Amino acid sequence: MESLSGNNRVHIKPGQRVLIVLKADQRSGKLTEGVVKDILTPSASHPHGIKVRLQSGLVGRVKEIKY
């Protein structure tokens, strides 16, 4: 399965399956998988990943985009 990093907003679309890191998991690096509901970062890119809200309601920064 191919994946992209989540640092560029243009690569992320609502409905896409992604791996995010939650604020509480930033130190451990634990990833959470889900489907993008909203893109919260307004800028075109972010060095730590674009912040998104998943359909489950969880918010975190995208580390990988799944295809």
C-alpha atoms as a PDB file:
ATOM      1  CA  MET A   1       0.000   0.000   0.000  1.00  0.00           C
ATOM      2  CA  GLU A   2       1.426   3.353  -1.065  1.00  0.00           C
ATOM      3  CA  SER A   3       1.364   6.351   1.278  1.00  0.00           C
ATOM      4  CA  LEU A   4       2.233  10.068   1.176  1.00  0.00           C
ATOM      5  CA  SER A   5       3.280  12.339   4.021  1.00  0.00           C
ATOM      6  CA  GLY A   6       0.609  14.703   5.328  1.00  0.00           C
ATOM      7  CA  ASN A   7       2.602  17.943   5.173  1.00  0.00           C
ATOM      8  CA  ASN A   8       0.894  19.380   2.067  1.00  0.00           C
ATOM      9  CA  ARG A   9      -2.753  20.418   2.135  1.00  0.00           C
ATOM     10  CA  VAL A  10      -3.282  19.666  -1.592  1.00  0.00           C
ATOM     11  CA  HIS A  11      -2.735  15.930  -0.951  1.00  0.00           C
ATOM     12  CA  ILE A  12      -5.516  15.731   1.667  1.00  0.00           C
ATOM     13  CA  LYS A  13      -9.203  15.546   0.771  1.00  0.00           C
ATOM     14  CA  PRO A  14     -12.328  14.859   2.866  1.00  0.00           C
ATOM     15  CA  GLY A  15     -13.245  11.173   2.674  1.00  0.00           C
ATOM     16  CA  GLN A  16      -9.608  10.045   2.474  1.00  0.00           C
ATOM     17  CA  ARG A  17      -8.191   7.408   4.833  1.00  0.00           C
ATOM     18  CA  VAL A  18      -5.231   8.783   6.801  1.00  0.00           C
ATOM     19  CA  LEU A  19      -3.011   8.084   9.801  1.00  0.00           C
ATOM     20  CA  ILE A  20      -2.885  10.952  12.308  1.00  0.00           C
ATOM     21  CA  VAL A  21      -1.048  11.610  15.543  1.00  0.00           C
ATOM     22  CA  LEU A  22      -3.287  12.936  18.319  1.00  0.00           C
ATOM     23  CA  LYS A  23      -2.018  15.736  20.603  1.00  0.00           C
ATOM     24  CA  ALA A  24      -1.911  13.284  23.539  1.00  0.00           C
ATOM     25  CA  ASP A  25       0.141  10.808  21.451  1.00  0.00           C
ATOM     26  CA  GLN A  26       2.743  13.245  20.089  1.00  0.00           C
ATOM     27  CA  ARG A  27       5.440  12.093  22.526  1.00  0.00           C
ATOM     28  CA  SER A  28       4.890   8.379  21.870  1.00  0.00           C
ATOM     29  CA  GLY A  29       4.244   8.821  18.137  1.00  0.00           C
ATOM     30  CA  LYS A  30       1.228   6.456  18.260  1.00  0.00           C
ATOM     31  CA  LEU A  31      -0.813   6.747  15.042  1.00  0.00           C
ATOM     32  CA  THR A  32      -4.604   6.633  14.747  1.00  0.00           C
ATOM     33  CA  GLU A  33      -6.282   5.639  11.472  1.00  0.00           C
ATOM     34  CA  GLY A  34      -9.482   7.267  10.255  1.00  0.00           C
ATOM     35  CA  VAL A  35     -11.318   9.089   7.477  1.00  0.00           C
ATOM     36  CA  VAL A  36     -10.942  12.860   7.021  1.00  0.00           C
ATOM     37  CA  LYS A  37     -14.075  14.914   7.731  1.00  0.00           C
ATOM     38  CA  ASP A  38     -12.612  18.459   7.858  1.00  0.00           C
ATOM     39  CA  ILE A  39      -9.235  20.045   7.097  1.00  0.00           C
ATOM     40  CA  LEU A  40      -8.403  22.472   9.918  1.00  0.00           C
ATOM     41  CA  THR A  41      -5.011  23.893   8.845  1.00  0.00           C
ATOM     42  CA  PRO A  42      -5.582  26.947   6.603  1.00  0.00           C
ATOM     43  CA  SER A  43      -2.021  27.137   5.213  1.00  0.00           C
ATOM     44  CA  ALA A  44      -0.810  25.177   2.168  1.00  0.00           C
ATOM     45  CA  SER A  45       1.699  23.166   4.211  1.00  0.00           C
ATOM     46  CA  HIS A  46       2.793  22.528   7.785  1.00  0.00           C
ATOM     47  CA  PRO A  47       6.095  20.971   8.934  1.00  0.00           C
ATOM     48  CA  HIS A  48       4.380  18.732  11.529  1.00  0.00           C
ATOM     49  CA  GLY A  49       1.469  17.712   9.296  1.00  0.00           C
ATOM     50  CA  ILE A  50      -1.866  19.216   8.286  1.00  0.00           C
ATOM     51  CA  LYS A  51      -4.375  19.253  11.156  1.00  0.00           C
ATOM     52  CA  VAL A  52      -7.629  17.440  10.375  1.00  0.00           C
ATOM     53  CA  ARG A  53     -10.824  16.277  12.100  1.00  0.00           C
ATOM     54  CA  LEU A  54     -11.732  12.660  11.432  1.00  0.00           C
ATOM     55  CA  GLN A  55     -15.288  11.401  10.960  1.00  0.00           C
ATOM     56  CA  SER A  56     -14.951   9.942  14.467  1.00  0.00           C
ATOM     57  CA  GLY A  57     -14.457  13.495  15.819  1.00  0.00           C
ATOM     58  CA  LEU A  58     -10.781  13.012  16.740  1.00  0.00           C
ATOM     59  CA  VAL A  59      -8.400  15.851  15.794  1.00  0.00           C
ATOM     60  CA  GLY A  60      -4.733  15.425  14.942  1.00  0.00           C
ATOM     61  CA  ARG A  61      -1.970  16.016  12.428  1.00  0.00           C
ATOM     62  CA  VAL A  62      -1.726  13.840   9.319  1.00  0.00           C
ATOM     63  CA  LYS A  63       1.402  11.679   9.257  1.00  0.00           C
ATOM     64  CA  GLU A  64       0.463   9.394   6.332  1.00  0.00           C
ATOM     65  CA  ILE A  65      -2.156   9.351   3.599  1.00  0.00           C
ATOM     66  CA  LYS A  66      -3.351   5.842   2.740  1.00  0.00           C
ATOM     67  CA  TYR A  67      -4.269   4.741  -0.804  1.00  0.00           C
END
